[in-house]
Amino acid sequence: MADDTLRIERSTKTLRTLALERMRDAIMGFHFQPGERLVERPLCDQLGVSRSVVREVLRQLETEGLVQMIPGHGPAVARPDLSRTDEIYELRALMEGIAARACALTATEDQIAALERAFDVLLAAWASANPIEVMRATTKFYEVLFDAADKRIAWEIVQGLNVRINQLRSMTIASVDRRDAAIAEMTDIMNAIKSRNGDEAEAAARRHVEQAWRIAQQTLRNS
């Protein structure tokens, strides 16, 4: 029987876009494991699209760093590079810290209320135990945070890293006991922003990223 887990439904989006979204989510959700080969024909059957669409999707995922071409074997799910992820987390800590500080000091009450709503959605996603929903809600939370902080250039930089950030985030989300710790860390960020404490908001944002990085390092070394 064919595996219909990845099969897409027709909509106003192009088949390529739908297939790309489905494949990206499948990699983030560990439907495909790091290092696993991605063979075109089975992917065509699973997604219900042509080989040309699958090839386009794999090329795009390669540019995003989620797929790598292995000589003699073809495309496979990329294994995160420990040396490069170090730089990604350094940038995350810097930019999220700056944004949290600015948000605490300059955001309007309406903007903070919007951030609280995004945080509630994030809490609901954690409660659902669905890693993909957690990543989507986390990305939305930070989008609202950077907007409230008026750090749009910084957000553009973060957006450029978001696919790789989410690949690493998916690993930490899946780790044992991460849920409660992550919620506590994010609550500290939210409370500091609501208290208009810029120093503590920046420190809390940095602590959150640093803790996520420690877990990611352990996961990568054990994989």
C-alpha atoms as a PDB file:
ATOM      1  CA  MET A   1       0.000   0.000   0.000  1.00  0.00           C
ATOM      2  CA  ALA A   2       1.347   3.452  -0.909  1.00  0.00           C
ATOM      3  CA  ASP A   3       2.487   5.768   1.898  1.00  0.00           C
ATOM      4  CA  ASP A   4       0.101   8.753   1.713  1.00  0.00           C
ATOM      5  CA  THR A   5       1.589  10.588   4.711  1.00  0.00           C
ATOM      6  CA  LEU A   6       3.149  13.261   2.530  1.00  0.00           C
ATOM      7  CA  ARG A   7       0.486  13.413  -0.201  1.00  0.00           C
ATOM      8  CA  ILE A   8      -0.679  16.944  -0.892  1.00  0.00           C
ATOM      9  CA  GLU A   9      -4.163  18.264  -1.598  1.00  0.00           C
ATOM     10  CA  ARG A  10      -4.781  20.532  -4.584  1.00  0.00           C
ATOM     11  CA  SER A  11      -5.216  24.230  -3.728  1.00  0.00           C
ATOM     12  CA  THR A  12      -4.504  27.722  -5.066  1.00  0.00           C
ATOM     13  CA  LYS A  13      -0.821  27.244  -4.249  1.00  0.00           C
ATOM     14  CA  THR A  14       1.407  25.776  -6.920  1.00  0.00           C
ATOM     15  CA  LEU A  15       2.308  22.113  -6.694  1.00  0.00           C
ATOM     16  CA  ARG A  16       5.937  23.087  -6.262  1.00  0.00           C
ATOM     17  CA  THR A  17       5.121  25.325  -3.275  1.00  0.00           C
ATOM     18  CA  LEU A  18       2.913  22.684  -1.682  1.00  0.00           C
ATOM     19  CA  ALA A  19       5.499  19.962  -2.204  1.00  0.00           C
ATOM     20  CA  LEU A  20       8.252  22.209  -0.837  1.00  0.00           C
ATOM     21  CA  GLU A  21       6.250  23.000   2.306  1.00  0.00           C
ATOM     22  CA  ARG A  22       5.384  19.341   2.821  1.00  0.00           C
ATOM     23  CA  MET A  23       8.969  18.183   2.383  1.00  0.00           C
ATOM     24  CA  ARG A  24      10.335  20.931   4.629  1.00  0.00           C
ATOM     25  CA  ASP A  25       7.876  19.963   7.377  1.00  0.00           C
ATOM     26  CA  ALA A  26       8.705  16.280   6.882  1.00  0.00           C
ATOM     27  CA  ILE A  27      12.406  16.946   7.410  1.00  0.00           C
ATOM     28  CA  MET A  28      11.752  19.186  10.425  1.00  0.00           C
ATOM     29  CA  GLY A  29       9.416  16.592  11.904  1.00  0.00           C
ATOM     30  CA  PHE A  30      11.950  13.768  11.387  1.00  0.00           C
ATOM     31  CA  HIS A  31       9.785  11.880   8.904  1.00  0.00           C
ATOM     32  CA  PHE A  32      13.142  11.732   7.129  1.00  0.00           C
ATOM     33  CA  GLN A  33      16.170  11.301   9.381  1.00  0.00           C
ATOM     34  CA  PRO A  34      19.465  13.235   9.055  1.00  0.00           C
ATOM     35  CA  GLY A  35      21.614  11.414   6.529  1.00  0.00           C
ATOM     36  CA  GLU A  36      18.680   9.530   4.971  1.00  0.00           C
ATOM     37  CA  ARG A  37      18.731   9.314   1.175  1.00  0.00           C
ATOM     38  CA  LEU A  38      15.925  11.069  -0.683  1.00  0.00           C
ATOM     39  CA  VAL A  39      15.074   8.965  -3.731  1.00  0.00           C
ATOM     40  CA  GLU A  40      13.059  10.699  -6.440  1.00  0.00           C
ATOM     41  CA  ARG A  41      10.646   7.927  -7.457  1.00  0.00           C
ATOM     42  CA  PRO A  42       9.344   7.123  -3.950  1.00  0.00           C
ATOM     43  CA  LEU A  43       9.019  10.862  -3.282  1.00  0.00           C
ATOM     44  CA  CYS A  44       6.964  11.268  -6.463  1.00  0.00           C
ATOM     45  CA  ASP A  45       4.623   8.528  -5.259  1.00  0.00           C
ATOM     46  CA  GLN A  46       4.375   9.862  -1.712  1.00  0.00           C
ATOM     47  CA  LEU A  47       3.779  13.476  -2.717  1.00  0.00           C
ATOM     48  CA  GLY A  48       1.685  12.723  -5.791  1.00  0.00           C
ATOM     49  CA  VAL A  49       3.731  15.031  -8.027  1.00  0.00           C
ATOM     50  CA  SER A  50       6.006  14.679 -11.043  1.00  0.00           C
ATOM     51  CA  ARG A  51       9.713  13.965 -10.965  1.00  0.00           C
ATOM     52  CA  SER A  52      10.458  17.483 -12.241  1.00  0.00           C
ATOM     53  CA  VAL A  53       8.636  18.986  -9.236  1.00  0.00           C
ATOM     54  CA  VAL A  54      10.533  16.719  -6.850  1.00  0.00           C
ATOM     55  CA  ARG A  55      13.831  17.763  -8.426  1.00  0.00           C
ATOM     56  CA  GLU A  56      12.961  21.459  -8.075  1.00  0.00           C
ATOM     57  CA  VAL A  57      11.995  20.931  -4.439  1.00  0.00           C
ATOM     58  CA  LEU A  58      15.205  19.076  -3.644  1.00  0.00           C
ATOM     59  CA  ARG A  59      17.269  21.824  -5.278  1.00  0.00           C
ATOM     60  CA  GLN A  60      15.484  24.462  -3.182  1.00  0.00           C
ATOM     61  CA  LEU A  61      15.965  22.454   0.014  1.00  0.00           C
ATOM     62  CA  GLU A  62      19.631  22.147  -0.860  1.00  0.00           C
ATOM     63  CA  THR A  63      19.953  25.948  -1.036  1.00  0.00           C
ATOM     64  CA  GLU A  64      18.229  26.144   2.372  1.00  0.00           C
ATOM     65  CA  GLY A  65      20.750  23.744   3.866  1.00  0.00           C
ATOM     66  CA  LEU A  66      18.223  20.980   4.597  1.00  0.00           C
ATOM     67  CA  VAL A  67      19.396  18.671   1.805  1.00  0.00           C
ATOM     68  CA  GLN A  68      22.917  17.860   0.691  1.00  0.00           C
ATOM     69  CA  MET A  69      24.171  16.147  -2.435  1.00  0.00           C
ATOM     70  CA  ILE A  70      26.335  13.121  -1.658  1.00  0.00           C
ATOM     71  CA  PRO A  71      28.657  12.128  -4.516  1.00  0.00           C
ATOM     72  CA  GLY A  72      27.681   8.746  -5.897  1.00  0.00           C
ATOM     73  CA  HIS A  73      24.506   8.585  -3.816  1.00  0.00           C
ATOM     74  CA  GLY A  74      22.424  11.660  -4.663  1.00  0.00           C
ATOM     75  CA  PRO A  75      20.392  13.876  -2.317  1.00  0.00           C
ATOM     76  CA  ALA A  76      20.074  13.144   1.389  1.00  0.00           C
ATOM     77  CA  VAL A  77      18.796  14.962   4.469  1.00  0.00           C
ATOM     78  CA  ALA A  78      21.610  17.223   5.636  1.00  0.00           C
ATOM     79  CA  ARG A  79      23.313  16.623   8.938  1.00  0.00           C
ATOM     80  CA  PRO A  80      23.758  19.922  10.806  1.00  0.00           C
ATOM     81  CA  ASP A  81      27.367  21.121  10.883  1.00  0.00           C
ATOM     82  CA  LEU A  82      28.406  21.671  14.522  1.00  0.00           C
ATOM     83  CA  SER A  83      30.852  24.456  13.633  1.00  0.00           C
ATOM     84  CA  ARG A  84      28.246  26.370  11.624  1.00  0.00           C
ATOM     85  CA  THR A  85      25.459  25.902  14.146  1.00  0.00           C
ATOM     86  CA  ASP A  86      27.694  27.586  16.714  1.00  0.00           C
ATOM     87  CA  GLU A  87      27.626  30.737  14.591  1.00  0.00           C
ATOM     88  CA  ILE A  88      23.867  30.480  14.074  1.00  0.00           C
ATOM     89  CA  TYR A  89      23.227  30.387  17.816  1.00  0.00           C
ATOM     90  CA  GLU A  90      25.630  33.277  18.403  1.00  0.00           C
ATOM     91  CA  LEU A  91      23.655  35.366  15.916  1.00  0.00           C
ATOM     92  CA  ARG A  92      20.361  34.256  17.450  1.00  0.00           C
ATOM     93  CA  ALA A  93      21.472  35.236  20.953  1.00  0.00           C
ATOM     94  CA  LEU A  94      22.673  38.629  19.752  1.00  0.00           C
ATOM     95  CA  MET A  95      19.642  39.571  17.671  1.00  0.00           C
ATOM     96  CA  GLU A  96      16.954  38.094  19.913  1.00  0.00           C
ATOM     97  CA  GLY A  97      18.546  39.784  22.905  1.00  0.00           C
ATOM     98  CA  ILE A  98      18.617  43.165  21.166  1.00  0.00           C
ATOM     99  CA  ALA A  99      15.016  42.752  20.010  1.00  0.00           C
ATOM    100  CA  ALA A 100      13.767  41.739  23.459  1.00  0.00           C
ATOM    101  CA  ARG A 101      15.462  44.772  25.039  1.00  0.00           C
ATOM    102  CA  ALA A 102      14.035  47.176  22.462  1.00  0.00           C
ATOM    103  CA  CYS A 103      10.584  45.633  22.768  1.00  0.00           C
ATOM    104  CA  ALA A 104      10.596  46.056  26.550  1.00  0.00           C
ATOM    105  CA  LEU A 105      11.657  49.687  26.295  1.00  0.00           C
ATOM    106  CA  THR A 106       9.758  50.992  23.274  1.00  0.00           C
ATOM    107  CA  ALA A 107       6.812  48.744  22.338  1.00  0.00           C
ATOM    108  CA  THR A 108       3.303  50.144  22.680  1.00  0.00           C
ATOM    109  CA  GLU A 109       0.737  48.506  24.926  1.00  0.00           C
ATOM    110  CA  ASP A 110      -1.091  47.232  21.847  1.00  0.00           C
ATOM    111  CA  GLN A 111       2.112  45.650  20.548  1.00  0.00           C
ATOM    112  CA  ILE A 112       2.774  43.954  23.861  1.00  0.00           C
ATOM    113  CA  ALA A 113      -0.816  42.688  23.885  1.00  0.00           C
ATOM    114  CA  ALA A 114      -0.227  41.222  20.411  1.00  0.00           C
ATOM    115  CA  LEU A 115       2.943  39.583  21.694  1.00  0.00           C
ATOM    116  CA  GLU A 116       1.004  38.085  24.612  1.00  0.00           C
ATOM    117  CA  ARG A 117      -1.507  36.617  22.151  1.00  0.00           C
ATOM    118  CA  ALA A 118       1.326  35.111  20.121  1.00  0.00           C
ATOM    119  CA  PHE A 119       2.766  33.691  23.335  1.00  0.00           C
ATOM    120  CA  ASP A 120      -0.592  32.098  24.202  1.00  0.00           C
ATOM    121  CA  VAL A 121      -0.613  30.432  20.768  1.00  0.00           C
ATOM    122  CA  LEU A 122       2.901  29.169  21.460  1.00  0.00           C
ATOM    123  CA  LEU A 123       1.833  27.700  24.807  1.00  0.00           C
ATOM    124  CA  ALA A 124      -1.076  25.957  23.092  1.00  0.00           C
ATOM    125  CA  ALA A 125       1.334  24.540  20.509  1.00  0.00           C
ATOM    126  CA  TRP A 126       3.580  23.158  23.235  1.00  0.00           C
ATOM    127  CA  ALA A 127       0.529  21.593  24.881  1.00  0.00           C
ATOM    128  CA  SER A 128      -0.364  19.904  21.583  1.00  0.00           C
ATOM    129  CA  ALA A 129       3.034  18.128  21.576  1.00  0.00           C
ATOM    130  CA  ASN A 130       3.208  18.742  17.814  1.00  0.00           C
ATOM    131  CA  PRO A 131       6.788  19.829  16.943  1.00  0.00           C
ATOM    132  CA  ILE A 132       5.777  21.424  13.648  1.00  0.00           C
ATOM    133  CA  GLU A 133       3.124  23.554  15.368  1.00  0.00           C
ATOM    134  CA  VAL A 134       5.628  24.539  18.066  1.00  0.00           C
ATOM    135  CA  MET A 135       8.107  25.706  15.417  1.00  0.00           C
ATOM    136  CA  ARG A 136       5.458  27.669  13.525  1.00  0.00           C
ATOM    137  CA  ALA A 137       4.181  29.317  16.698  1.00  0.00           C
ATOM    138  CA  THR A 138       7.730  30.098  17.847  1.00  0.00           C
ATOM    139  CA  THR A 139       8.563  31.717  14.505  1.00  0.00           C
ATOM    140  CA  LYS A 140       5.368  33.797  14.712  1.00  0.00           C
ATOM    141  CA  PHE A 141       6.166  34.863  18.291  1.00  0.00           C
ATOM    142  CA  TYR A 142       9.550  36.170  17.224  1.00  0.00           C
ATOM    143  CA  GLU A 143       8.091  37.866  14.162  1.00  0.00           C
ATOM    144  CA  VAL A 144       5.735  39.821  16.442  1.00  0.00           C
ATOM    145  CA  LEU A 145       8.593  40.494  18.888  1.00  0.00           C
ATOM    146  CA  PHE A 146      10.947  41.913  16.241  1.00  0.00           C
ATOM    147  CA  ASP A 147       8.116  43.986  14.752  1.00  0.00           C
ATOM    148  CA  ALA A 148       7.227  45.429  18.168  1.00  0.00           C
ATOM    149  CA  ALA A 149      10.914  46.188  18.705  1.00  0.00           C
ATOM    150  CA  ASP A 150      11.067  47.950  15.308  1.00  0.00           C
ATOM    151  CA  LYS A 151      14.017  45.723  14.365  1.00  0.00           C
ATOM    152  CA  ARG A 152      12.935  44.905  10.835  1.00  0.00           C
ATOM    153  CA  ILE A 153      16.425  44.567   9.337  1.00  0.00           C
ATOM    154  CA  ALA A 154      17.379  42.192  12.140  1.00  0.00           C
ATOM    155  CA  TRP A 155      14.234  40.165  11.427  1.00  0.00           C
ATOM    156  CA  GLU A 156      15.148  39.928   7.758  1.00  0.00           C
ATOM    157  CA  ILE A 157      18.489  38.447   8.812  1.00  0.00           C
ATOM    158  CA  VAL A 158      16.759  36.023  11.167  1.00  0.00           C
ATOM    159  CA  GLN A 159      14.331  35.030   8.400  1.00  0.00           C
ATOM    160  CA  GLY A 160      17.307  34.115   6.243  1.00  0.00           C
ATOM    161  CA  LEU A 161      18.412  31.731   8.977  1.00  0.00           C
ATOM    162  CA  ASN A 162      14.959  30.488   9.998  1.00  0.00           C
ATOM    163  CA  VAL A 163      15.018  27.222   8.055  1.00  0.00           C
ATOM    164  CA  ARG A 164      18.324  26.221   9.642  1.00  0.00           C
ATOM    165  CA  ILE A 165      17.242  27.575  13.018  1.00  0.00           C
ATOM    166  CA  ASN A 166      14.087  25.466  12.849  1.00  0.00           C
ATOM    167  CA  GLN A 167      16.064  22.378  11.866  1.00  0.00           C
ATOM    168  CA  LEU A 168      18.080  22.795  15.065  1.00  0.00           C
ATOM    169  CA  ARG A 169      14.984  23.835  17.029  1.00  0.00           C
ATOM    170  CA  SER A 170      13.261  20.606  15.991  1.00  0.00           C
ATOM    171  CA  MET A 171      16.083  18.694  17.675  1.00  0.00           C
ATOM    172  CA  THR A 172      15.791  20.585  20.962  1.00  0.00           C
ATOM    173  CA  ILE A 173      11.983  20.372  20.944  1.00  0.00           C
ATOM    174  CA  ALA A 174      12.265  16.588  20.651  1.00  0.00           C
ATOM    175  CA  SER A 175      14.702  16.335  23.570  1.00  0.00           C
ATOM    176  CA  VAL A 176      13.547  14.975  26.915  1.00  0.00           C
ATOM    177  CA  ASP A 177      12.154  17.555  29.380  1.00  0.00           C
ATOM    178  CA  ARG A 178      12.725  20.491  26.990  1.00  0.00           C
ATOM    179  CA  ARG A 179       9.071  21.522  27.017  1.00  0.00           C
ATOM    180  CA  ASP A 180       8.841  22.745  30.628  1.00  0.00           C
ATOM    181  CA  ALA A 181      12.239  24.432  30.545  1.00  0.00           C
ATOM    182  CA  ALA A 182      11.499  26.206  27.256  1.00  0.00           C
ATOM    183  CA  ILE A 183       8.133  27.451  28.530  1.00  0.00           C
ATOM    184  CA  ALA A 184       9.793  28.780  31.701  1.00  0.00           C
ATOM    185  CA  GLU A 185      12.494  30.536  29.670  1.00  0.00           C
ATOM    186  CA  MET A 186       9.991  32.103  27.276  1.00  0.00           C
ATOM    187  CA  THR A 187       7.812  33.158  30.215  1.00  0.00           C
ATOM    188  CA  ASP A 188      10.826  34.982  31.687  1.00  0.00           C
ATOM    189  CA  ILE A 189      11.241  36.872  28.405  1.00  0.00           C
ATOM    190  CA  MET A 190       7.554  37.769  28.301  1.00  0.00           C
ATOM    191  CA  ASN A 191       7.461  38.893  31.942  1.00  0.00           C
ATOM    192  CA  ALA A 192      10.543  41.089  31.534  1.00  0.00           C
ATOM    193  CA  ILE A 193       9.031  42.753  28.463  1.00  0.00           C
ATOM    194  CA  LYS A 194       5.730  43.393  30.247  1.00  0.00           C
ATOM    195  CA  SER A 195       7.684  44.849  33.198  1.00  0.00           C
ATOM    196  CA  ARG A 196       9.536  47.168  30.798  1.00  0.00           C
ATOM    197  CA  ASN A 197      12.848  45.814  32.071  1.00  0.00           C
ATOM    198  CA  GLY A 198      15.176  46.006  29.072  1.00  0.00           C
ATOM    199  CA  ASP A 199      18.206  44.521  30.807  1.00  0.00           C
ATOM    200  CA  GLU A 200      16.311  41.477  32.050  1.00  0.00           C
ATOM    201  CA  ALA A 201      14.478  40.999  28.753  1.00  0.00           C
ATOM    202  CA  GLU A 202      17.795  40.868  26.885  1.00  0.00           C
ATOM    203  CA  ALA A 203      19.362  38.576  29.499  1.00  0.00           C
ATOM    204  CA  ALA A 204      16.356  36.227  29.453  1.00  0.00           C
ATOM    205  CA  ALA A 205      16.380  36.042  25.651  1.00  0.00           C
ATOM    206  CA  ARG A 206      20.089  35.231  25.664  1.00  0.00           C
ATOM    207  CA  ARG A 207      19.670  32.588  28.376  1.00  0.00           C
ATOM    208  CA  HIS A 208      16.956  30.901  26.334  1.00  0.00           C
ATOM    209  CA  VAL A 209      19.143  30.690  23.234  1.00  0.00           C
ATOM    210  CA  GLU A 210      22.184  29.545  25.211  1.00  0.00           C
ATOM    211  CA  GLN A 211      20.227  26.737  26.847  1.00  0.00           C
ATOM    212  CA  ALA A 212      18.832  25.643  23.486  1.00  0.00           C
ATOM    213  CA  TRP A 213      22.369  25.631  22.096  1.00  0.00           C
ATOM    214  CA  ARG A 214      23.647  23.400  24.915  1.00  0.00           C
ATOM    215  CA  ILE A 215      20.910  20.879  24.174  1.00  0.00           C
ATOM    216  CA  ALA A 216      21.548  21.071  20.433  1.00  0.00           C
ATOM    217  CA  GLN A 217      25.267  20.441  20.997  1.00  0.00           C
ATOM    218  CA  GLN A 218      24.503  17.341  23.057  1.00  0.00           C
ATOM    219  CA  THR A 219      22.036  16.087  20.456  1.00  0.00           C
ATOM    220  CA  LEU A 220      24.431  16.636  17.554  1.00  0.00           C
ATOM    221  CA  ARG A 221      27.314  14.943  19.321  1.00  0.00           C
ATOM    222  CA  ASN A 222      25.156  11.917  20.136  1.00  0.00           C
ATOM    223  CA  SER A 223      23.683  11.606  16.627  1.00  0.00           C
END
